[in-house]
Amino acid sequence: MRKAQNNPVERMVKRSQYLRVARARKYVASKGLILQFEIKDPNEGGNRHRVGFTVSKKVGNAVVRNRARRRLKSVVNDVLTSSEERPLDLVLIGRVSTLKRSYDELLGDFRFALKSARTRQEKIIGRAKDE
């Protein structure tokens, strides 16, 4: 599979990247997914969002988990089309309802979670500038 040159999304590939986002303890939960996020370290380079996907065995067998993961990837590709904002490290965690919700509802869930994450990000950045 080829990577698009102007794709604003980069994949997380190392366990340490997932753990760093989890350690940040910032998340937004919606009915269809859980979004863990961390403000991307500017020293790591790149101005693209870094995204990882995970679906636990509680959701189902491998076929079901892969279907949920594919749906989450599709949602991210549809929503994160431009990277004007400050990049984030995102981990999307699939739920049982990831498969039960319509695609439009899942899009809404991700947009809601991303908007909440952005709001929190701005508050954190604002506090850092004040200090």
Protein backbone atom coordinates (compact mmCIF):
# COMPACT_ATOMS: atom_id res chain seq x y z
CA MET A 1 0.00 0.00 0.00
CA ARG A 2 1.35 3.42 -0.93
CA LYS A 3 1.36 6.36 1.43
CA ALA A 4 -0.10 9.59 0.15
CA GLN A 5 2.51 12.33 0.20
CA ASN A 6 0.18 14.94 1.68
CA ASN A 7 -1.56 12.62 4.13
CA PRO A 8 -1.74 14.43 7.51
CA VAL A 9 -1.84 11.11 9.40
CA GLU A 10 1.11 8.95 10.41
CA ARG A 11 0.72 5.50 12.02
CA MET A 12 2.01 4.58 15.46
CA VAL A 13 4.10 1.47 15.16
CA LYS A 14 5.98 1.09 18.44
CA ARG A 15 4.58 -0.07 21.74
CA SER A 16 6.41 2.77 23.49
CA GLN A 17 4.38 5.30 21.49
CA TYR A 18 1.11 3.73 22.64
CA LEU A 19 2.33 3.63 26.24
CA ARG A 20 3.37 7.28 26.20
CA VAL A 21 -0.12 8.31 25.09
CA ALA A 22 -1.69 6.05 27.74
CA ARG A 23 0.57 7.55 30.42
CA ALA A 24 -0.68 11.03 29.56
CA ARG A 25 -4.07 9.91 30.97
CA LYS A 26 -6.02 12.21 28.69
CA TYR A 27 -8.98 10.60 27.01
CA VAL A 28 -12.47 11.23 25.70
CA ALA A 29 -15.03 8.44 25.72
CA SER A 30 -18.00 8.28 23.39
CA LYS A 31 -20.47 5.51 22.63
CA GLY A 32 -18.56 4.13 19.67
CA LEU A 33 -14.93 4.61 20.69
CA ILE A 34 -12.46 5.88 23.24
CA LEU A 35 -9.91 8.46 22.13
CA GLN A 36 -6.68 8.74 24.10
CA PHE A 37 -4.56 11.72 23.14
CA GLU A 38 -1.40 13.60 23.90
CA ILE A 39 -0.04 16.83 22.49
CA LYS A 40 2.69 15.80 20.09
CA ASP A 41 6.20 16.72 21.16
CA PRO A 42 7.47 19.34 18.68
CA ASN A 43 11.03 18.02 19.11
CA GLU A 44 10.03 14.70 17.56
CA GLY A 45 9.60 16.47 14.25
CA GLY A 46 6.83 16.32 11.78
CA ASN A 47 3.63 18.27 11.68
CA ARG A 48 1.35 15.30 11.10
CA HIS A 49 -1.01 13.59 13.51
CA ARG A 50 0.21 10.21 14.70
CA VAL A 51 -2.59 7.66 15.11
CA GLY A 52 -2.76 4.18 16.59
CA PHE A 53 -5.65 1.73 16.76
CA THR A 54 -6.42 -0.98 19.27
CA VAL A 55 -9.36 -3.28 19.91
CA SER A 56 -9.27 -5.68 22.86
CA LYS A 57 -10.35 -9.30 22.90
CA LYS A 58 -13.43 -8.27 24.87
CA VAL A 59 -14.86 -7.02 21.58
CA GLY A 60 -14.72 -10.40 19.88
CA ASN A 61 -12.57 -12.80 17.91
CA ALA A 62 -9.87 -11.72 15.45
CA VAL A 63 -12.28 -11.25 12.55
CA VAL A 64 -14.54 -8.98 14.59
CA ARG A 65 -11.61 -7.00 16.02
CA ASN A 66 -10.12 -6.46 12.58
CA ARG A 67 -13.47 -5.26 11.23
CA ALA A 68 -13.74 -2.77 14.11
CA ARG A 69 -10.16 -1.60 13.48
CA ARG A 70 -10.88 -1.11 9.76
CA ARG A 71 -13.94 0.98 10.59
CA LEU A 72 -11.88 3.17 12.93
CA LYS A 73 -9.19 3.62 10.27
CA SER A 74 -11.81 4.65 7.75
CA VAL A 75 -13.27 7.21 10.15
CA VAL A 76 -9.84 8.72 10.79
CA ASN A 77 -9.09 8.93 7.07
CA ASP A 78 -12.42 10.69 6.46
CA VAL A 79 -12.12 13.20 9.32
CA LEU A 80 -8.41 14.02 9.53
CA THR A 81 -7.92 15.43 6.05
CA SER A 82 -5.93 18.54 6.85
CA SER A 83 -3.39 19.33 9.50
CA GLU A 84 -3.79 23.05 10.11
CA GLU A 85 -4.08 22.43 13.85
CA ARG A 86 -1.26 21.49 16.17
CA PRO A 87 -0.64 17.77 15.69
CA LEU A 88 -1.74 15.24 18.30
CA ASP A 89 -0.80 11.68 19.13
CA LEU A 90 -4.08 9.77 19.08
CA VAL A 91 -4.98 6.22 20.08
CA LEU A 92 -8.44 5.03 19.11
CA ILE A 93 -9.78 2.17 21.21
CA GLY A 94 -12.60 0.18 19.70
CA ARG A 95 -15.64 -0.90 21.67
CA VAL A 96 -18.33 -3.49 21.04
CA SER A 97 -20.57 -0.68 19.85
CA THR A 98 -17.97 0.31 17.23
CA LEU A 99 -19.48 -2.38 15.04
CA LYS A 100 -23.10 -1.83 16.06
CA ARG A 101 -23.26 1.91 15.37
CA SER A 102 -23.88 3.24 11.89
CA TYR A 103 -20.94 4.77 10.08
CA ASP A 104 -22.43 8.26 10.40
CA GLU A 105 -22.81 7.80 14.17
CA LEU A 106 -19.20 6.62 14.38
CA LEU A 107 -18.08 9.69 12.42
CA GLY A 108 -20.01 11.85 14.87
CA ASP A 109 -18.43 10.06 17.83
CA PHE A 110 -14.92 10.68 16.48
CA ARG A 111 -15.63 14.31 15.62
CA PHE A 112 -17.03 14.87 19.13
CA ALA A 113 -14.00 13.20 20.75
CA LEU A 114 -11.55 15.12 18.57
CA LYS A 115 -13.27 18.43 19.31
CA SER A 116 -13.13 17.71 23.05
CA ALA A 117 -9.46 16.78 22.77
CA ARG A 118 -8.72 20.02 20.90
CA THR A 119 -10.54 22.06 23.56
CA ARG A 120 -8.47 20.42 26.30
CA GLN A 121 -5.32 20.91 24.24
CA GLU A 122 -5.96 24.65 23.95
CA LYS A 123 -6.53 24.90 27.72
CA ILE A 124 -3.26 23.10 28.40
CA ILE A 125 -1.32 25.27 25.95
CA GLY A 126 -2.94 28.40 27.39
CA ARG A 127 -1.87 27.42 30.90
CA ALA A 128 1.68 26.75 29.74
CA LYS A 129 1.90 30.19 28.12
CA ASP A 130 0.64 31.89 31.30
CA GLU A 131 3.38 30.33 33.43
